[in-house]
């Protein structure tokens, strides 16, 4: 099941990055992205979001995300 979830989010991230212009035409501009990133911020947001989905899915399937979470926030959520 983990590998299927990986393929789904990896592909979703790539699709968002590749078809960002069509997605923007469908959703319109994001005001917060335009104010944070300047003109064309919606496109930048889609690139960053797609990249984070793709890289995050790789981290998750390899177990790296668990290591990062345990090293940074694990002390708040894990009991010893």
Protein backbone atom coordinates (compact mmCIF):
# COMPACT_ATOMS: atom_id res chain seq x y z
CA UNK A 1 0.00 0.00 0.00
CA UNK A 2 2.88 2.34 0.76
CA UNK A 3 4.30 1.99 -2.75
CA UNK A 4 0.93 2.77 -4.35
CA UNK A 5 0.60 5.91 -2.24
CA UNK A 6 4.14 6.87 -3.26
CA UNK A 7 3.34 6.52 -6.97
CA UNK A 8 0.13 8.52 -6.57
CA UNK A 9 1.73 11.51 -4.80
CA UNK A 10 4.86 11.39 -6.95
CA UNK A 11 2.74 11.50 -10.12
CA UNK A 12 0.45 14.16 -8.64
CA UNK A 13 3.43 16.40 -7.90
CA UNK A 14 4.75 15.99 -11.45
CA UNK A 15 1.32 16.66 -12.95
CA UNK A 16 0.95 19.84 -10.89
CA UNK A 17 4.35 21.09 -12.06
CA UNK A 18 3.77 20.17 -15.71
CA UNK A 19 0.19 21.43 -16.02
CA UNK A 20 0.49 24.48 -13.75
CA UNK A 21 -0.79 26.84 -16.44
CA UNK A 22 -3.98 24.84 -17.03
CA UNK A 23 -4.50 24.48 -13.27
CA UNK A 24 -4.11 28.24 -12.85
CA UNK A 25 -6.65 28.88 -15.60
CA UNK A 26 -9.06 26.58 -13.76
CA UNK A 27 -8.49 27.89 -10.23
CA UNK A 28 -7.59 31.52 -10.92
CA UNK A 29 -4.89 33.45 -9.10
CA UNK A 30 -4.11 32.90 -5.44
CA UNK A 31 -3.96 36.29 -3.72
CA UNK A 32 -1.66 35.08 -0.94
CA UNK A 33 0.81 33.62 -3.47
CA UNK A 34 0.79 36.80 -5.53
CA UNK A 35 1.53 38.89 -2.43
CA UNK A 36 4.27 36.56 -1.12
CA UNK A 37 6.03 35.73 -4.38
CA UNK A 38 5.16 38.82 -6.43
CA UNK A 39 3.85 38.81 -9.99
CA UNK A 40 3.35 35.23 -11.19
CA UNK A 41 3.28 33.98 -7.62
CA UNK A 42 0.52 31.50 -8.36
CA UNK A 43 2.77 29.70 -10.84
CA UNK A 44 5.59 29.74 -8.30
CA UNK A 45 3.25 28.31 -5.68
CA UNK A 46 2.30 25.44 -8.00
CA UNK A 47 5.96 24.69 -8.70
CA UNK A 48 6.87 24.68 -5.00
CA UNK A 49 3.80 22.64 -4.03
CA UNK A 50 4.39 20.07 -6.77
CA UNK A 51 8.08 19.83 -5.88
CA UNK A 52 7.29 19.33 -2.19
CA UNK A 53 4.76 16.60 -3.04
CA UNK A 54 7.28 14.81 -5.25
CA UNK A 55 10.21 15.05 -2.86
CA UNK A 56 8.00 14.40 0.17
CA UNK A 57 6.70 11.19 -1.38
CA UNK A 58 10.27 10.01 -1.99
CA UNK A 59 11.22 10.85 1.60
CA UNK A 60 8.14 9.06 2.89
CA UNK A 61 8.60 5.82 0.92
CA UNK A 62 12.30 5.56 1.84
CA UNK A 63 11.66 6.25 5.54
CA UNK A 64 13.66 9.48 5.53
CA UNK A 65 10.60 11.49 6.52
CA UNK A 66 10.22 9.34 9.65
CA UNK A 67 13.84 10.04 10.58
CA UNK A 68 13.43 13.77 10.05
CA UNK A 69 10.21 13.82 12.07
CA UNK A 70 11.68 11.81 14.94
CA UNK A 71 14.84 13.94 15.07
CA UNK A 72 13.00 17.27 15.10
CA UNK A 73 9.54 16.79 16.58
CA UNK A 74 9.72 13.29 18.00
CA UNK A 75 10.47 14.42 21.54
CA UNK A 76 7.11 16.22 21.65
CA UNK A 77 5.04 13.29 20.42
CA UNK A 78 6.90 10.14 21.40
CA UNK A 79 6.96 8.85 24.95
CA UNK A 80 10.20 7.32 26.20
